[in-house]
Amino acid sequence: MQDGIAFSERNFFKNLLSEEEIRELAGYASVSEIFSWHSPAVKKLGADPASMGDDGLIELMLKEPRLIRRPLFRVGAKLIIGASPDSLANL
């Protein structure tokens, strides 16, 4: 609990997300919204994510968790993606 708010924290580099969990997150936002398009890992993998559908993007995120945008906050039925002041204001 921090500042009176109960939460659970997960380091998904140490505790990887499963395909099912990524698809569940995509139920709150689109796969493309949780994919980190500008991550250096995209170039490192030599992939062209712009030509991929959701399944291809999920496969890349499973191989390389750095391709999942961070932080992710799930509050009830809402998913807040990223740490920009605008997204954090939605908490």
PDB file of N, CA and C in Angstrom:
ATOM      1  N   MET A   1       0.856  -1.174   0.000  1.00  0.00           N
ATOM      2  CA  MET A   1       0.000   0.000   0.000  1.00  0.00           C
ATOM      3  C   MET A   1       0.900   1.234   0.000  1.00  0.00           C
ATOM      4  N   GLN A   2       0.568   2.172  -0.850  1.00  0.00           N
ATOM      5  CA  GLN A   2       1.320   3.419  -0.915  1.00  0.00           C
ATOM      6  C   GLN A   2       0.334   4.565  -1.033  1.00  0.00           C
ATOM      7  N   ASP A   3       0.493   5.566  -0.179  1.00  0.00           N
ATOM      8  CA  ASP A   3      -0.409   6.722  -0.162  1.00  0.00           C
ATOM      9  C   ASP A   3      -1.873   6.294  -0.069  1.00  0.00           C
ATOM     10  N   GLY A   4      -2.116   5.226   0.709  1.00  0.00           N
ATOM     11  CA  GLY A   4      -3.485   4.762   0.919  1.00  0.00           C
ATOM     12  C   GLY A   4      -4.073   3.972  -0.232  1.00  0.00           C
ATOM     13  N   ILE A   5      -3.250   3.639  -1.222  1.00  0.00           N
ATOM     14  CA  ILE A   5      -3.738   2.894  -2.387  1.00  0.00           C
ATOM     15  C   ILE A   5      -3.083   1.521  -2.397  1.00  0.00           C
ATOM     16  N   ALA A   6      -3.906   0.486  -2.410  1.00  0.00           N
ATOM     17  CA  ALA A   6      -3.393  -0.878  -2.483  1.00  0.00           C
ATOM     18  C   ALA A   6      -3.077  -1.198  -3.946  1.00  0.00           C
ATOM     19  N   PHE A   7      -1.935  -1.831  -4.171  1.00  0.00           N
ATOM     20  CA  PHE A   7      -1.567  -2.199  -5.532  1.00  0.00           C
ATOM     21  C   PHE A   7      -0.638  -3.400  -5.491  1.00  0.00           C
ATOM     22  N   SER A   8      -0.494  -4.056  -6.626  1.00  0.00           N
ATOM     23  CA  SER A   8       0.509  -5.105  -6.747  1.00  0.00           C
ATOM     24  C   SER A   8       1.453  -4.703  -7.869  1.00  0.00           C
ATOM     25  N   GLU A   9       2.706  -4.969  -7.658  1.00  0.00           N
ATOM     26  CA  GLU A   9       3.746  -4.594  -8.610  1.00  0.00           C
ATOM     27  C   GLU A   9       4.346  -5.864  -9.196  1.00  0.00           C
ATOM     28  N   ARG A  10       4.671  -5.811 -10.482  1.00  0.00           N
ATOM     29  CA  ARG A  10       5.253  -6.977 -11.133  1.00  0.00           C
ATOM     30  C   ARG A  10       6.370  -6.530 -12.063  1.00  0.00           C
ATOM     31  N   ASN A  11       7.511  -7.132 -11.908  1.00  0.00           N
ATOM     32  CA  ASN A  11       8.626  -6.894 -12.815  1.00  0.00           C
ATOM     33  C   ASN A  11       8.540  -7.956 -13.899  1.00  0.00           C
ATOM     34  N   PHE A  12       8.032  -7.592 -15.075  1.00  0.00           N
ATOM     35  CA  PHE A  12       7.846  -8.632 -16.072  1.00  0.00           C
ATOM     36  C   PHE A  12       9.096  -8.930 -16.885  1.00  0.00           C
ATOM     37  N   PHE A  13      10.238  -8.460 -16.415  1.00  0.00           N
ATOM     38  CA  PHE A  13      11.509  -8.954 -16.950  1.00  0.00           C
ATOM     39  C   PHE A  13      11.933 -10.189 -16.156  1.00  0.00           C
ATOM     40  N   LYS A  14      11.581 -10.196 -14.871  1.00  0.00           N
ATOM     41  CA  LYS A  14      11.896 -11.344 -14.018  1.00  0.00           C
ATOM     42  C   LYS A  14      10.759 -12.355 -13.996  1.00  0.00           C
ATOM     43  N   ASN A  15       9.534 -11.874 -14.074  1.00  0.00           N
ATOM     44  CA  ASN A  15       8.342 -12.715 -14.035  1.00  0.00           C
ATOM     45  C   ASN A  15       7.569 -12.449 -15.330  1.00  0.00           C
ATOM     46  N   LEU A  16       7.979 -13.131 -16.391  1.00  0.00           N
ATOM     47  CA  LEU A  16       7.473 -12.864 -17.739  1.00  0.00           C
ATOM     48  C   LEU A  16       5.959 -13.004 -17.845  1.00  0.00           C
ATOM     49  N   LEU A  17       5.382 -12.174 -18.698  1.00  0.00           N
ATOM     50  CA  LEU A  17       3.953 -12.291 -18.988  1.00  0.00           C
ATOM     51  C   LEU A  17       3.735 -13.455 -19.943  1.00  0.00           C
ATOM     52  N   SER A  18       2.651 -14.159 -19.749  1.00  0.00           N
ATOM     53  CA  SER A  18       2.291 -15.239 -20.662  1.00  0.00           C
ATOM     54  C   SER A  18       1.514 -14.653 -21.843  1.00  0.00           C
ATOM     55  N   GLU A  19       1.336 -15.465 -22.864  1.00  0.00           N
ATOM     56  CA  GLU A  19       0.526 -15.025 -24.005  1.00  0.00           C
ATOM     57  C   GLU A  19      -0.884 -14.674 -23.543  1.00  0.00           C
ATOM     58  N   GLU A  20      -1.425 -15.484 -22.658  1.00  0.00           N
ATOM     59  CA  GLU A  20      -2.773 -15.233 -22.134  1.00  0.00           C
ATOM     60  C   GLU A  20      -2.844 -13.885 -21.411  1.00  0.00           C
ATOM     61  N   GLU A  21      -1.823 -13.566 -20.630  1.00  0.00           N
ATOM     62  CA  GLU A  21      -1.814 -12.290 -19.901  1.00  0.00           C
ATOM     63  C   GLU A  21      -1.689 -11.097 -20.849  1.00  0.00           C
ATOM     64  N   ILE A  22      -0.877 -11.232 -21.890  1.00  0.00           N
ATOM     65  CA  ILE A  22      -0.762 -10.147 -22.869  1.00  0.00           C
ATOM     66  C   ILE A  22      -2.096  -9.952 -23.579  1.00  0.00           C
ATOM     67  N   ARG A  23      -2.744 -11.039 -23.939  1.00  0.00           N
ATOM     68  CA  ARG A  23      -4.054 -10.935 -24.600  1.00  0.00           C
ATOM     69  C   ARG A  23      -5.096 -10.323 -23.653  1.00  0.00           C
ATOM     70  N   GLU A  24      -4.993 -10.646 -22.368  1.00  0.00           N
ATOM     71  CA  GLU A  24      -5.908 -10.047 -21.390  1.00  0.00           C
ATOM     72  C   GLU A  24      -5.694  -8.534 -21.319  1.00  0.00           C
ATOM     73  N   LEU A  25      -4.435  -8.102 -21.271  1.00  0.00           N
ATOM     74  CA  LEU A  25      -4.138  -6.664 -21.275  1.00  0.00           C
ATOM     75  C   LEU A  25      -4.672  -6.012 -22.546  1.00  0.00           C
ATOM     76  N   ALA A  26      -4.546  -6.719 -23.661  1.00  0.00           N
ATOM     77  CA  ALA A  26      -5.034  -6.191 -24.937  1.00  0.00           C
ATOM     78  C   ALA A  26      -6.554  -6.080 -24.953  1.00  0.00           C
ATOM     79  N   GLY A  27      -7.216  -6.724 -24.016  1.00  0.00           N
ATOM     80  CA  GLY A  27      -8.663  -6.570 -23.891  1.00  0.00           C
ATOM     81  C   GLY A  27      -9.042  -5.212 -23.313  1.00  0.00           C
ATOM     82  N   TYR A  28      -8.096  -4.566 -22.636  1.00  0.00           N
ATOM     83  CA  TYR A  28      -8.325  -3.238 -22.058  1.00  0.00           C
ATOM     84  C   TYR A  28      -7.854  -2.132 -23.004  1.00  0.00           C
ATOM     85  N   ALA A  29      -6.940  -2.469 -23.889  1.00  0.00           N
ATOM     86  CA  ALA A  29      -6.401  -1.553 -24.901  1.00  0.00           C
ATOM     87  C   ALA A  29      -6.025  -2.438 -26.085  1.00  0.00           C
ATOM     88  N   SER A  30      -5.645  -1.878 -27.178  1.00  0.00           N
ATOM     89  CA  SER A  30      -5.273  -2.715 -28.323  1.00  0.00           C
ATOM     90  C   SER A  30      -3.841  -3.232 -28.160  1.00  0.00           C
ATOM     91  N   VAL A  31      -3.538  -4.305 -28.877  1.00  0.00           N
ATOM     92  CA  VAL A  31      -2.180  -4.849 -28.864  1.00  0.00           C
ATOM     93  C   VAL A  31      -1.202  -3.767 -29.306  1.00  0.00           C
ATOM     94  N   SER A  32      -1.575  -3.019 -30.315  1.00  0.00           N
ATOM     95  CA  SER A  32      -0.684  -1.978 -30.827  1.00  0.00           C
ATOM     96  C   SER A  32      -0.433  -0.874 -29.801  1.00  0.00           C
ATOM     97  N   GLU A  33      -1.358  -0.649 -28.883  1.00  0.00           N
ATOM     98  CA  GLU A  33      -1.155   0.364 -27.838  1.00  0.00           C
ATOM     99  C   GLU A  33      -0.172  -0.106 -26.766  1.00  0.00           C
ATOM    100  N   ILE A  34      -0.117  -1.411 -26.518  1.00  0.00           N
ATOM    101  CA  ILE A  34       0.809  -1.899 -25.492  1.00  0.00           C
ATOM    102  C   ILE A  34       2.168  -2.283 -26.081  1.00  0.00           C
ATOM    103  N   PHE A  35       2.280  -2.281 -27.405  1.00  0.00           N
ATOM    104  CA  PHE A  35       3.548  -2.582 -28.071  1.00  0.00           C
ATOM    105  C   PHE A  35       4.428  -1.336 -28.075  1.00  0.00           C
ATOM    106  N   SER A  36       5.691  -1.499 -27.715  1.00  0.00           N
ATOM    107  CA  SER A  36       6.634  -0.374 -27.663  1.00  0.00           C
ATOM    108  C   SER A  36       7.306  -0.206 -29.029  1.00  0.00           C
ATOM    109  N   TRP A  37       6.658   0.558 -29.879  1.00  0.00           N
ATOM    110  CA  TRP A  37       7.086   0.728 -31.270  1.00  0.00           C
ATOM    111  C   TRP A  37       8.480   1.331 -31.398  1.00  0.00           C
ATOM    112  N   HIS A  38       8.879   2.169 -30.468  1.00  0.00           N
ATOM    113  CA  HIS A  38      10.152   2.883 -30.588  1.00  0.00           C
ATOM    114  C   HIS A  38      11.282   2.247 -29.782  1.00  0.00           C
ATOM    115  N   SER A  39      11.042   1.055 -29.272  1.00  0.00           N
ATOM    116  CA  SER A  39      12.071   0.369 -28.498  1.00  0.00           C
ATOM    117  C   SER A  39      13.250  -0.011 -29.396  1.00  0.00           C
ATOM    118  N   PRO A  40      14.485   0.188 -28.914  1.00  0.00           N
ATOM    119  CA  PRO A  40      15.653  -0.272 -29.679  1.00  0.00           C
ATOM    120  C   PRO A  40      15.618  -1.783 -29.933  1.00  0.00           C
ATOM    121  N   ALA A  41      14.868  -2.514 -29.120  1.00  0.00           N
ATOM    122  CA  ALA A  41      14.775  -3.966 -29.290  1.00  0.00           C
ATOM    123  C   ALA A  41      14.121  -4.340 -30.618  1.00  0.00           C
ATOM    124  N   VAL A  42      13.285  -3.468 -31.170  1.00  0.00           N
ATOM    125  CA  VAL A  42      12.654  -3.751 -32.470  1.00  0.00           C
ATOM    126  C   VAL A  42      13.738  -3.891 -33.527  1.00  0.00           C
ATOM    127  N   LYS A  43      14.633  -2.927 -33.570  1.00  0.00           N
ATOM    128  CA  LYS A  43      15.716  -2.955 -34.560  1.00  0.00           C
ATOM    129  C   LYS A  43      16.639  -4.141 -34.299  1.00  0.00           C
ATOM    130  N   LYS A  44      16.914  -4.399 -33.025  1.00  0.00           N
ATOM    131  CA  LYS A  44      17.809  -5.489 -32.642  1.00  0.00           C
ATOM    132  C   LYS A  44      17.281  -6.841 -33.134  1.00  0.00           C
ATOM    133  N   LEU A  45      15.961  -7.020 -33.094  1.00  0.00           N
ATOM    134  CA  LEU A  45      15.362  -8.275 -33.549  1.00  0.00           C
ATOM    135  C   LEU A  45      15.289  -8.365 -35.068  1.00  0.00           C
ATOM    136  N   GLY A  46      15.482  -7.238 -35.740  1.00  0.00           N
ATOM    137  CA  GLY A  46      15.397  -7.236 -37.197  1.00  0.00           C
ATOM    138  C   GLY A  46      13.993  -7.488 -37.703  1.00  0.00           C
ATOM    139  N   ALA A  47      13.013  -7.137 -36.904  1.00  0.00           N
ATOM    140  CA  ALA A  47      11.613  -7.390 -37.252  1.00  0.00           C
ATOM    141  C   ALA A  47      10.989  -6.146 -37.867  1.00  0.00           C
ATOM    142  N   ASP A  48       9.922  -6.355 -38.603  1.00  0.00           N
ATOM    143  CA  ASP A  48       9.141  -5.252 -39.165  1.00  0.00           C
ATOM    144  C   ASP A  48       7.742  -5.318 -38.563  1.00  0.00           C
ATOM    145  N   PRO A  49       7.573  -4.797 -37.336  1.00  0.00           N
ATOM    146  CA  PRO A  49       6.287  -4.924 -36.660  1.00  0.00           C
ATOM    147  C   PRO A  49       5.143  -4.230 -37.391  1.00  0.00           C
ATOM    148  N   ALA A  50       5.451  -3.217 -38.197  1.00  0.00           N
ATOM    149  CA  ALA A  50       4.390  -2.501 -38.913  1.00  0.00           C
ATOM    150  C   ALA A  50       3.670  -3.413 -39.897  1.00  0.00           C
ATOM    151  N   SER A  51       4.333  -4.481 -40.319  1.00  0.00           N
ATOM    152  CA  SER A  51       3.712  -5.403 -41.270  1.00  0.00           C
ATOM    153  C   SER A  51       3.037  -6.586 -40.571  1.00  0.00           C
ATOM    154  N   MET A  52       3.028  -6.580 -39.239  1.00  0.00           N
ATOM    155  CA  MET A  52       2.488  -7.711 -38.475  1.00  0.00           C
ATOM    156  C   MET A  52       1.115  -7.394 -37.914  1.00  0.00           C
ATOM    157  N   GLY A  53       0.346  -8.431 -37.742  1.00  0.00           N
ATOM    158  CA  GLY A  53      -0.930  -8.308 -37.052  1.00  0.00           C
ATOM    159  C   GLY A  53      -0.723  -8.506 -35.559  1.00  0.00           C
ATOM    160  N   ASP A  54      -1.825  -8.568 -34.836  1.00  0.00           N
ATOM    161  CA  ASP A  54      -1.758  -8.728 -33.379  1.00  0.00           C
ATOM    162  C   ASP A  54      -0.973  -9.962 -32.958  1.00  0.00           C
ATOM    163  N   ASP A  55      -1.200 -11.089 -33.627  1.00  0.00           N
ATOM    164  CA  ASP A  55      -0.508 -12.320 -33.237  1.00  0.00           C
ATOM    165  C   ASP A  55       1.006 -12.180 -33.371  1.00  0.00           C
ATOM    166  N   GLY A  56       1.458 -11.537 -34.444  1.00  0.00           N
ATOM    167  CA  GLY A  56       2.890 -11.324 -34.639  1.00  0.00           C
ATOM    168  C   GLY A  56       3.479 -10.406 -33.589  1.00  0.00           C
ATOM    169  N   LEU A  57       2.745  -9.337 -33.245  1.00  0.00           N
ATOM    170  CA  LEU A  57       3.224  -8.413 -32.213  1.00  0.00           C
ATOM    171  C   LEU A  57       3.307  -9.108 -30.860  1.00  0.00           C
ATOM    172  N   ILE A  58       2.307  -9.919 -30.555  1.00  0.00           N
ATOM    173  CA  ILE A  58       2.317 -10.663 -29.285  1.00  0.00           C
ATOM    174  C   ILE A  58       3.497 -11.624 -29.253  1.00  0.00           C
ATOM    175  N   GLU A  59       3.755 -12.295 -30.361  1.00  0.00           N
ATOM    176  CA  GLU A  59       4.890 -13.215 -30.430  1.00  0.00           C
ATOM    177  C   GLU A  59       6.202 -12.475 -30.151  1.00  0.00           C
ATOM    178  N   LEU A  60       6.353 -11.280 -30.720  1.00  0.00           N
ATOM    179  CA  LEU A  60       7.558 -10.484 -30.452  1.00  0.00           C
ATOM    180  C   LEU A  60       7.647 -10.090 -28.979  1.00  0.00           C
ATOM    181  N   MET A  61       6.516  -9.690 -28.374  1.00  0.00           N
ATOM    182  CA  MET A  61       6.528  -9.301 -26.957  1.00  0.00           C
ATOM    183  C   MET A  61       6.864 -10.484 -26.058  1.00  0.00           C
ATOM    184  N   LEU A  62       6.454 -11.683 -26.459  1.00  0.00           N
ATOM    185  CA  LEU A  62       6.798 -12.869 -25.681  1.00  0.00           C
ATOM    186  C   LEU A  62       8.293 -13.156 -25.759  1.00  0.00           C
ATOM    187  N   LYS A  63       8.888 -12.934 -26.928  1.00  0.00           N
ATOM    188  CA  LYS A  63      10.327 -13.156 -27.107  1.00  0.00           C
ATOM    189  C   LYS A  63      11.150 -12.080 -26.414  1.00  0.00           C
ATOM    190  N   GLU A  64      10.648 -10.847 -26.455  1.00  0.00           N
ATOM    191  CA  GLU A  64      11.405  -9.709 -25.929  1.00  0.00           C
ATOM    192  C   GLU A  64      10.488  -8.800 -25.119  1.00  0.00           C
ATOM    193  N   PRO A  65      10.475  -8.961 -23.786  1.00  0.00           N
ATOM    194  CA  PRO A  65       9.567  -8.169 -22.945  1.00  0.00           C
ATOM    195  C   PRO A  65       9.807  -6.658 -23.005  1.00  0.00           C
ATOM    196  N   ARG A  66      10.965  -6.231 -23.501  1.00  0.00           N
ATOM    197  CA  ARG A  66      11.194  -4.787 -23.644  1.00  0.00           C
ATOM    198  C   ARG A  66      10.247  -4.166 -24.667  1.00  0.00           C
ATOM    199  N   LEU A  67       9.597  -4.996 -25.444  1.00  0.00           N
ATOM    200  CA  LEU A  67       8.647  -4.510 -26.447  1.00  0.00           C
ATOM    201  C   LEU A  67       7.266  -4.240 -25.856  1.00  0.00           C
ATOM    202  N   ILE A  68       7.111  -4.467 -24.562  1.00  0.00           N
ATOM    203  CA  ILE A  68       5.860  -4.147 -23.873  1.00  0.00           C
ATOM    204  C   ILE A  68       6.038  -2.766 -23.244  1.00  0.00           C
ATOM    205  N   ARG A  69       5.157  -1.852 -23.584  1.00  0.00           N
ATOM    206  CA  ARG A  69       5.260  -0.494 -23.027  1.00  0.00           C
ATOM    207  C   ARG A  69       5.139  -0.536 -21.517  1.00  0.00           C
ATOM    208  N   ARG A  70       5.879   0.341 -20.875  1.00  0.00           N
ATOM    209  CA  ARG A  70       5.892   0.401 -19.426  1.00  0.00           C
ATOM    210  C   ARG A  70       5.814   1.851 -18.994  1.00  0.00           C
ATOM    211  N   PRO A  71       5.336   2.059 -17.822  1.00  0.00           N
ATOM    212  CA  PRO A  71       4.618   1.119 -16.950  1.00  0.00           C
ATOM    213  C   PRO A  71       3.194   0.901 -17.445  1.00  0.00           C
ATOM    214  N   LEU A  72       2.607  -0.163 -16.956  1.00  0.00           N
ATOM    215  CA  LEU A  72       1.193  -0.464 -17.201  1.00  0.00           C
ATOM    216  C   LEU A  72       0.485  -0.443 -15.857  1.00  0.00           C
ATOM    217  N   PHE A  73      -0.604   0.283 -15.785  1.00  0.00           N
ATOM    218  CA  PHE A  73      -1.425   0.333 -14.569  1.00  0.00           C
ATOM    219  C   PHE A  73      -2.819  -0.133 -14.941  1.00  0.00           C
ATOM    220  N   ARG A  74      -3.278  -1.169 -14.286  1.00  0.00           N
ATOM    221  CA  ARG A  74      -4.667  -1.580 -14.503  1.00  0.00           C
ATOM    222  C   ARG A  74      -5.460  -1.166 -13.282  1.00  0.00           C
ATOM    223  N   VAL A  75      -6.440  -0.331 -13.512  1.00  0.00           N
ATOM    224  CA  VAL A  75      -7.299   0.173 -12.442  1.00  0.00           C
ATOM    225  C   VAL A  75      -8.720  -0.207 -12.817  1.00  0.00           C
ATOM    226  N   GLY A  76      -9.240  -1.230 -12.141  1.00  0.00           N
ATOM    227  CA  GLY A  76     -10.571  -1.713 -12.505  1.00  0.00           C
ATOM    228  C   GLY A  76     -10.572  -2.199 -13.941  1.00  0.00           C
ATOM    229  N   ALA A  77     -11.458  -1.641 -14.749  1.00  0.00           N
ATOM    230  CA  ALA A  77     -11.569  -2.041 -16.153  1.00  0.00           C
ATOM    231  C   ALA A  77     -10.788  -1.109 -17.076  1.00  0.00           C
ATOM    232  N   LYS A  78      -9.863  -0.351 -16.514  1.00  0.00           N
ATOM    233  CA  LYS A  78      -9.120   0.636 -17.297  1.00  0.00           C
ATOM    234  C   LYS A  78      -7.629   0.294 -17.270  1.00  0.00           C
ATOM    235  N   LEU A  79      -6.970   0.407 -18.422  1.00  0.00           N
ATOM    236  CA  LEU A  79      -5.529   0.191 -18.502  1.00  0.00           C
ATOM    237  C   LEU A  79      -4.868   1.520 -18.835  1.00  0.00           C
ATOM    238  N   ILE A  80      -3.954   1.945 -17.971  1.00  0.00           N
ATOM    239  CA  ILE A  80      -3.187   3.169 -18.188  1.00  0.00           C
ATOM    240  C   ILE A  80      -1.816   2.729 -18.693  1.00  0.00           C
ATOM    241  N   ILE A  81      -1.415   3.262 -19.845  1.00  0.00           N
ATOM    242  CA  ILE A  81      -0.176   2.839 -20.493  1.00  0.00           C
ATOM    243  C   ILE A  81       0.806   3.999 -20.508  1.00  0.00           C
ATOM    244  N   GLY A  82       2.004   3.764 -19.982  1.00  0.00           N
ATOM    245  CA  GLY A  82       3.045   4.779 -20.012  1.00  0.00           C
ATOM    246  C   GLY A  82       3.003   5.686 -18.800  1.00  0.00           C
ATOM    247  N   ALA A  83       4.039   6.513 -18.699  1.00  0.00           N
ATOM    248  CA  ALA A  83       4.166   7.383 -17.532  1.00  0.00           C
ATOM    249  C   ALA A  83       4.096   8.858 -17.898  1.00  0.00           C
ATOM    250  N   SER A  84       3.440   9.165 -19.006  1.00  0.00           N
ATOM    251  CA  SER A  84       3.306  10.577 -19.365  1.00  0.00           C
ATOM    252  C   SER A  84       2.361  11.248 -18.372  1.00  0.00           C
ATOM    253  N   PRO A  85       2.513  12.540 -18.161  1.00  0.00           N
ATOM    254  CA  PRO A  85       1.606  13.236 -17.236  1.00  0.00           C
ATOM    255  C   PRO A  85       0.131  13.046 -17.606  1.00  0.00           C
ATOM    256  N   ASP A  86      -0.173  13.013 -18.904  1.00  0.00           N
ATOM    257  CA  ASP A  86      -1.564  12.818 -19.327  1.00  0.00           C
ATOM    258  C   ASP A  86      -2.090  11.449 -18.924  1.00  0.00           C
ATOM    259  N   SER A  87      -1.285  10.394 -19.154  1.00  0.00           N
ATOM    260  CA  SER A  87      -1.760   9.057 -18.803  1.00  0.00           C
ATOM    261  C   SER A  87      -1.857   8.890 -17.293  1.00  0.00           C
ATOM    262  N   LEU A  88      -0.921   9.457 -16.548  1.00  0.00           N
ATOM    263  CA  LEU A  88      -0.967   9.339 -15.089  1.00  0.00           C
ATOM    264  C   LEU A  88      -2.119  10.138 -14.490  1.00  0.00           C
ATOM    265  N   ALA A  89      -2.533  11.192 -15.151  1.00  0.00           N
ATOM    266  CA  ALA A  89      -3.676  11.972 -14.670  1.00  0.00           C
ATOM    267  C   ALA A  89      -4.952  11.139 -14.706  1.00  0.00           C
ATOM    268  N   ASN A  90      -4.975  10.094 -15.548  1.00  0.00           N
ATOM    269  CA  ASN A  90      -6.149   9.223 -15.648  1.00  0.00           C
ATOM    270  C   ASN A  90      -6.256   8.229 -14.506  1.00  0.00           C
ATOM    271  N   LEU A  91      -5.214   8.153 -13.679  1.00  0.00           N
ATOM    272  CA  LEU A  91      -5.284   7.266 -12.521  1.00  0.00           C
ATOM    273  C   LEU A  91      -6.241   7.869 -11.544  1.00  0.00           C
TER     274      LEU A  91
END
